[in-house]
Amino acid sequence: MEPIFSIRLHTKDLAILELIQAFFHTGKIYVSKDIKEAVFRVSSMKELEIIISHFDKYPLVTQK
């Protein structure tokens, strides 16, 4: 089993996932029109290191 980072949004928000993909220069976007869902997914360790290092440098500031 391999680690996976993914973000799921409604297909109307596909542009947001495209911006995230362009920012990180990695990952793939999958669109399922029948359930109106879009998923940005990163699954290789090399690509995951890009995501992890970003959040190490810029942690999320949230109340949740």
PDB file of N, CA and C in Angstrom:
ATOM      1  N   MET A   1       0.840  -1.172   0.000  1.00  0.00           N
ATOM      2  CA  MET A   1       0.000   0.000   0.000  1.00  0.00           C
ATOM      3  C   MET A   1       0.896   1.250   0.000  1.00  0.00           C
ATOM      4  N   GLU A   2       0.559   2.200  -0.820  1.00  0.00           N
ATOM      5  CA  GLU A   2       1.361   3.417  -0.909  1.00  0.00           C
ATOM      6  C   GLU A   2       0.572   4.612  -0.376  1.00  0.00           C
ATOM      7  N   PRO A   3       1.273   5.605   0.182  1.00  0.00           N
ATOM      8  CA  PRO A   3       0.572   6.800   0.669  1.00  0.00           C
ATOM      9  C   PRO A   3       0.042   7.629  -0.490  1.00  0.00           C
ATOM     10  N   ILE A   4      -1.082   8.289  -0.244  1.00  0.00           N
ATOM     11  CA  ILE A   4      -1.722   9.112  -1.266  1.00  0.00           C
ATOM     12  C   ILE A   4      -2.192  10.415  -0.640  1.00  0.00           C
ATOM     13  N   PHE A   5      -1.974  11.513  -1.341  1.00  0.00           N
ATOM     14  CA  PHE A   5      -2.528  12.808  -0.967  1.00  0.00           C
ATOM     15  C   PHE A   5      -3.561  13.134  -2.021  1.00  0.00           C
ATOM     16  N   SER A   6      -4.777  13.484  -1.594  1.00  0.00           N
ATOM     17  CA  SER A   6      -5.797  13.838  -2.578  1.00  0.00           C
ATOM     18  C   SER A   6      -6.715  14.923  -2.045  1.00  0.00           C
ATOM     19  N   ILE A   7      -7.259  15.669  -2.982  1.00  0.00           N
ATOM     20  CA  ILE A   7      -8.256  16.700  -2.687  1.00  0.00           C
ATOM     21  C   ILE A   7      -9.431  16.438  -3.616  1.00  0.00           C
ATOM     22  N   ARG A   8     -10.620  16.279  -3.039  1.00  0.00           N
ATOM     23  CA  ARG A   8     -11.836  16.025  -3.821  1.00  0.00           C
ATOM     24  C   ARG A   8     -12.735  17.255  -3.766  1.00  0.00           C
ATOM     25  N   LEU A   9     -13.191  17.675  -4.945  1.00  0.00           N
ATOM     26  CA  LEU A   9     -14.098  18.812  -5.045  1.00  0.00           C
ATOM     27  C   LEU A   9     -15.181  18.514  -6.079  1.00  0.00           C
ATOM     28  N   HIS A  10     -16.225  19.294  -6.039  1.00  0.00           N
ATOM     29  CA  HIS A  10     -17.271  19.225  -7.059  1.00  0.00           C
ATOM     30  C   HIS A  10     -16.654  19.670  -8.390  1.00  0.00           C
ATOM     31  N   THR A  11     -17.155  19.134  -9.477  1.00  0.00           N
ATOM     32  CA  THR A  11     -16.590  19.473 -10.795  1.00  0.00           C
ATOM     33  C   THR A  11     -16.683  20.964 -11.111  1.00  0.00           C
ATOM     34  N   LYS A  12     -17.617  21.684 -10.476  1.00  0.00           N
ATOM     35  CA  LYS A  12     -17.693  23.129 -10.731  1.00  0.00           C
ATOM     36  C   LYS A  12     -16.452  23.848 -10.211  1.00  0.00           C
ATOM     37  N   ASP A  13     -15.687  23.194  -9.321  1.00  0.00           N
ATOM     38  CA  ASP A  13     -14.469  23.776  -8.758  1.00  0.00           C
ATOM     39  C   ASP A  13     -13.203  23.189  -9.381  1.00  0.00           C
ATOM     40  N   LEU A  14     -13.328  22.610 -10.547  1.00  0.00           N
ATOM     41  CA  LEU A  14     -12.189  22.005 -11.240  1.00  0.00           C
ATOM     42  C   LEU A  14     -11.043  22.994 -11.421  1.00  0.00           C
ATOM     43  N   ALA A  15     -11.343  24.245 -11.675  1.00  0.00           N
ATOM     44  CA  ALA A  15     -10.298  25.259 -11.881  1.00  0.00           C
ATOM     45  C   ALA A  15      -9.392  25.386 -10.654  1.00  0.00           C
ATOM     46  N   ILE A  16      -9.947  25.199  -9.461  1.00  0.00           N
ATOM     47  CA  ILE A  16      -9.139  25.270  -8.237  1.00  0.00           C
ATOM     48  C   ILE A  16      -8.108  24.142  -8.228  1.00  0.00           C
ATOM     49  N   LEU A  17      -8.541  22.947  -8.580  1.00  0.00           N
ATOM     50  CA  LEU A  17      -7.609  21.818  -8.623  1.00  0.00           C
ATOM     51  C   LEU A  17      -6.533  22.028  -9.692  1.00  0.00           C
ATOM     52  N   GLU A  18      -6.907  22.622 -10.803  1.00  0.00           N
ATOM     53  CA  GLU A  18      -5.927  22.909 -11.853  1.00  0.00           C
ATOM     54  C   GLU A  18      -4.888  23.916 -11.367  1.00  0.00           C
ATOM     55  N   LEU A  19      -5.316  24.899 -10.578  1.00  0.00           N
ATOM     56  CA  LEU A  19      -4.369  25.859 -10.003  1.00  0.00           C
ATOM     57  C   LEU A  19      -3.433  25.186  -9.012  1.00  0.00           C
ATOM     58  N   ILE A  20      -3.960  24.285  -8.206  1.00  0.00           N
ATOM     59  CA  ILE A  20      -3.125  23.548  -7.247  1.00  0.00           C
ATOM     60  C   ILE A  20      -2.107  22.700  -7.993  1.00  0.00           C
ATOM     61  N   GLN A  21      -2.546  22.010  -9.024  1.00  0.00           N
ATOM     62  CA  GLN A  21      -1.641  21.191  -9.826  1.00  0.00           C
ATOM     63  C   GLN A  21      -0.546  22.045 -10.471  1.00  0.00           C
ATOM     64  N   ALA A  22      -0.917  23.197 -10.993  1.00  0.00           N
ATOM     65  CA  ALA A  22       0.065  24.092 -11.620  1.00  0.00           C
ATOM     66  C   ALA A  22       1.043  24.648 -10.590  1.00  0.00           C
ATOM     67  N   PHE A  23       0.560  24.938  -9.383  1.00  0.00           N
ATOM     68  CA  PHE A  23       1.421  25.467  -8.325  1.00  0.00           C
ATOM     69  C   PHE A  23       2.491  24.454  -7.924  1.00  0.00           C
ATOM     70  N   PHE A  24       2.077  23.204  -7.713  1.00  0.00           N
ATOM     71  CA  PHE A  24       3.017  22.170  -7.265  1.00  0.00           C
ATOM     72  C   PHE A  24       3.770  21.504  -8.418  1.00  0.00           C
ATOM     73  N   HIS A  25       3.346  21.713  -9.660  1.00  0.00           N
ATOM     74  CA  HIS A  25       3.966  21.085 -10.839  1.00  0.00           C
ATOM     75  C   HIS A  25       4.001  19.570 -10.703  1.00  0.00           C
ATOM     76  N   THR A  26       2.952  19.015 -10.143  1.00  0.00           N
ATOM     77  CA  THR A  26       2.898  17.568  -9.944  1.00  0.00           C
ATOM     78  C   THR A  26       1.451  17.126  -9.765  1.00  0.00           C
ATOM     79  N   GLY A  27       1.245  15.829  -9.720  1.00  0.00           N
ATOM     80  CA  GLY A  27      -0.075  15.278  -9.469  1.00  0.00           C
ATOM     81  C   GLY A  27      -0.907  15.129 -10.734  1.00  0.00           C
ATOM     82  N   LYS A  28      -2.028  14.438 -10.566  1.00  0.00           N
ATOM     83  CA  LYS A  28      -2.953  14.216 -11.669  1.00  0.00           C
ATOM     84  C   LYS A  28      -4.353  14.581 -11.216  1.00  0.00           C
ATOM     85  N   ILE A  29      -5.163  14.982 -12.167  1.00  0.00           N
ATOM     86  CA  ILE A  29      -6.554  15.314 -11.885  1.00  0.00           C
ATOM     87  C   ILE A  29      -7.435  14.305 -12.597  1.00  0.00           C
ATOM     88  N   TYR A  30      -8.364  13.746 -11.836  1.00  0.00           N
ATOM     89  CA  TYR A  30      -9.327  12.793 -12.374  1.00  0.00           C
ATOM     90  C   TYR A  30     -10.709  13.408 -12.243  1.00  0.00           C
ATOM     91  N   VAL A  31     -11.502  13.318 -13.309  1.00  0.00           N
ATOM     92  CA  VAL A  31     -12.845  13.889 -13.300  1.00  0.00           C
ATOM     93  C   VAL A  31     -13.851  12.781 -13.554  1.00  0.00           C
ATOM     94  N   SER A  32     -14.851  12.715 -12.678  1.00  0.00           N
ATOM     95  CA  SER A  32     -15.952  11.771 -12.833  1.00  0.00           C
ATOM     96  C   SER A  32     -17.223  12.593 -13.040  1.00  0.00           C
ATOM     97  N   LYS A  33     -17.631  12.722 -14.272  1.00  0.00           N
ATOM     98  CA  LYS A  33     -18.781  13.571 -14.590  1.00  0.00           C
ATOM     99  C   LYS A  33     -20.100  12.972 -14.104  1.00  0.00           C
ATOM    100  N   ASP A  34     -20.162  11.651 -13.998  1.00  0.00           N
ATOM    101  CA  ASP A  34     -21.422  11.036 -13.562  1.00  0.00           C
ATOM    102  C   ASP A  34     -21.734  11.327 -12.099  1.00  0.00           C
ATOM    103  N   ILE A  35     -20.692  11.488 -11.249  1.00  0.00           N
ATOM    104  CA  ILE A  35     -20.948  11.860  -9.849  1.00  0.00           C
ATOM    105  C   ILE A  35     -20.498  13.300  -9.562  1.00  0.00           C
ATOM    106  N   LYS A  36     -20.135  14.011 -10.627  1.00  0.00           N
ATOM    107  CA  LYS A  36     -19.761  15.426 -10.528  1.00  0.00           C
ATOM    108  C   LYS A  36     -18.670  15.664  -9.483  1.00  0.00           C
ATOM    109  N   GLU A  37     -17.585  14.897  -9.625  1.00  0.00           N
ATOM    110  CA  GLU A  37     -16.478  14.985  -8.686  1.00  0.00           C
ATOM    111  C   GLU A  37     -15.169  15.089  -9.451  1.00  0.00           C
ATOM    112  N   ALA A  38     -14.279  15.929  -8.930  1.00  0.00           N
ATOM    113  CA  ALA A  38     -12.928  16.042  -9.473  1.00  0.00           C
ATOM    114  C   ALA A  38     -11.949  15.786  -8.332  1.00  0.00           C
ATOM    115  N   VAL A  39     -10.866  15.066  -8.639  1.00  0.00           N
ATOM    116  CA  VAL A  39      -9.896  14.698  -7.612  1.00  0.00           C
ATOM    117  C   VAL A  39      -8.494  15.045  -8.096  1.00  0.00           C
ATOM    118  N   PHE A  40      -7.761  15.807  -7.275  1.00  0.00           N
ATOM    119  CA  PHE A  40      -6.333  16.029  -7.489  1.00  0.00           C
ATOM    120  C   PHE A  40      -5.628  14.987  -6.647  1.00  0.00           C
ATOM    121  N   ARG A  41      -4.725  14.218  -7.252  1.00  0.00           N
ATOM    122  CA  ARG A  41      -4.111  13.102  -6.541  1.00  0.00           C
ATOM    123  C   ARG A  41      -2.607  13.061  -6.772  1.00  0.00           C
ATOM    124  N   VAL A  42      -1.879  12.841  -5.684  1.00  0.00           N
ATOM    125  CA  VAL A  42      -0.432  12.653  -5.727  1.00  0.00           C
ATOM    126  C   VAL A  42      -0.147  11.340  -5.007  1.00  0.00           C
ATOM    127  N   SER A  43       0.562  10.420  -5.676  1.00  0.00           N
ATOM    128  CA  SER A  43       0.769   9.114  -5.054  1.00  0.00           C
ATOM    129  C   SER A  43       2.215   8.632  -5.032  1.00  0.00           C
ATOM    130  N   SER A  44       3.111   9.221  -5.773  1.00  0.00           N
ATOM    131  CA  SER A  44       4.500   8.762  -5.714  1.00  0.00           C
ATOM    132  C   SER A  44       5.230   9.472  -4.573  1.00  0.00           C
ATOM    133  N   MET A  45       6.152   8.768  -3.948  1.00  0.00           N
ATOM    134  CA  MET A  45       6.888   9.340  -2.820  1.00  0.00           C
ATOM    135  C   MET A  45       7.646  10.603  -3.238  1.00  0.00           C
ATOM    136  N   LYS A  46       8.195  10.605  -4.432  1.00  0.00           N
ATOM    137  CA  LYS A  46       8.933  11.771  -4.914  1.00  0.00           C
ATOM    138  C   LYS A  46       8.015  12.988  -5.002  1.00  0.00           C
ATOM    139  N   GLU A  47       6.807  12.789  -5.536  1.00  0.00           N
ATOM    140  CA  GLU A  47       5.855  13.890  -5.643  1.00  0.00           C
ATOM    141  C   GLU A  47       5.298  14.278  -4.276  1.00  0.00           C
ATOM    142  N   LEU A  48       5.090  13.293  -3.400  1.00  0.00           N
ATOM    143  CA  LEU A  48       4.590  13.591  -2.057  1.00  0.00           C
ATOM    144  C   LEU A  48       5.574  14.456  -1.267  1.00  0.00           C
ATOM    145  N   GLU A  49       6.856  14.269  -1.504  1.00  0.00           N
ATOM    146  CA  GLU A  49       7.867  15.082  -0.819  1.00  0.00           C
ATOM    147  C   GLU A  49       7.701  16.562  -1.154  1.00  0.00           C
ATOM    148  N   ILE A  50       7.265  16.876  -2.363  1.00  0.00           N
ATOM    149  CA  ILE A  50       7.021  18.264  -2.763  1.00  0.00           C
ATOM    150  C   ILE A  50       5.890  18.857  -1.920  1.00  0.00           C
ATOM    151  N   ILE A  51       4.811  18.094  -1.768  1.00  0.00           N
ATOM    152  CA  ILE A  51       3.656  18.547  -0.990  1.00  0.00           C
ATOM    153  C   ILE A  51       4.024  18.678   0.486  1.00  0.00           C
ATOM    154  N   ILE A  52       4.685  17.663   1.018  1.00  0.00           N
ATOM    155  CA  ILE A  52       5.054  17.665   2.441  1.00  0.00           C
ATOM    156  C   ILE A  52       5.992  18.816   2.765  1.00  0.00           C
ATOM    157  N   SER A  53       6.988  19.045   1.927  1.00  0.00           N
ATOM    158  CA  SER A  53       7.938  20.132   2.212  1.00  0.00           C
ATOM    159  C   SER A  53       7.247  21.494   2.178  1.00  0.00           C
ATOM    160  N   HIS A  54       6.246  21.644   1.324  1.00  0.00           N
ATOM    161  CA  HIS A  54       5.508  22.903   1.277  1.00  0.00           C
ATOM    162  C   HIS A  54       4.774  23.138   2.599  1.00  0.00           C
ATOM    163  N   PHE A  55       4.077  22.102   3.090  1.00  0.00           N
ATOM    164  CA  PHE A  55       3.326  22.263   4.324  1.00  0.00           C
ATOM    165  C   PHE A  55       4.226  22.306   5.560  1.00  0.00           C
ATOM    166  N   ASP A  56       5.430  21.752   5.466  1.00  0.00           N
ATOM    167  CA  ASP A  56       6.402  21.932   6.552  1.00  0.00           C
ATOM    168  C   ASP A  56       6.836  23.391   6.620  1.00  0.00           C
ATOM    169  N   LYS A  57       7.046  23.986   5.455  1.00  0.00           N
ATOM    170  CA  LYS A  57       7.492  25.377   5.394  1.00  0.00           C
ATOM    171  C   LYS A  57       6.348  26.353   5.666  1.00  0.00           C
ATOM    172  N   TYR A  58       5.150  26.027   5.202  1.00  0.00           N
ATOM    173  CA  TYR A  58       3.976  26.892   5.355  1.00  0.00           C
ATOM    174  C   TYR A  58       2.831  26.105   5.979  1.00  0.00           C
ATOM    175  N   PRO A  59       2.866  25.894   7.288  1.00  0.00           N
ATOM    176  CA  PRO A  59       1.792  25.102   7.923  1.00  0.00           C
ATOM    177  C   PRO A  59       0.437  25.797   7.820  1.00  0.00           C
ATOM    178  N   LEU A  60      -0.600  24.982   7.805  1.00  0.00           N
ATOM    179  CA  LEU A  60      -1.960  25.521   7.767  1.00  0.00           C
ATOM    180  C   LEU A  60      -2.270  26.217   9.075  1.00  0.00           C
ATOM    181  N   VAL A  61      -2.928  27.355   8.990  1.00  0.00           N
ATOM    182  CA  VAL A  61      -3.381  28.081  10.175  1.00  0.00           C
ATOM    183  C   VAL A  61      -4.904  27.951  10.175  1.00  0.00           C
ATOM    184  N   THR A  62      -5.411  27.154  11.106  1.00  0.00           N
ATOM    185  CA  THR A  62      -6.835  26.867  11.121  1.00  0.00           C
ATOM    186  C   THR A  62      -7.318  26.585  12.530  1.00  0.00           C
ATOM    187  N   GLN A  63      -8.599  26.698  12.722  1.00  0.00           N
ATOM    188  CA  GLN A  63      -9.203  26.411  14.013  1.00  0.00           C
ATOM    189  C   GLN A  63      -9.683  24.965  14.093  1.00  0.00           C
ATOM    190  N   LYS A  64      -9.740  24.259  12.981  1.00  0.00           N
ATOM    191  CA  LYS A  64     -10.247  22.884  12.966  1.00  0.00           C
ATOM    192  C   LYS A  64      -9.170  21.903  13.361  1.00  0.00           C
TER     193      LYS A  64
END
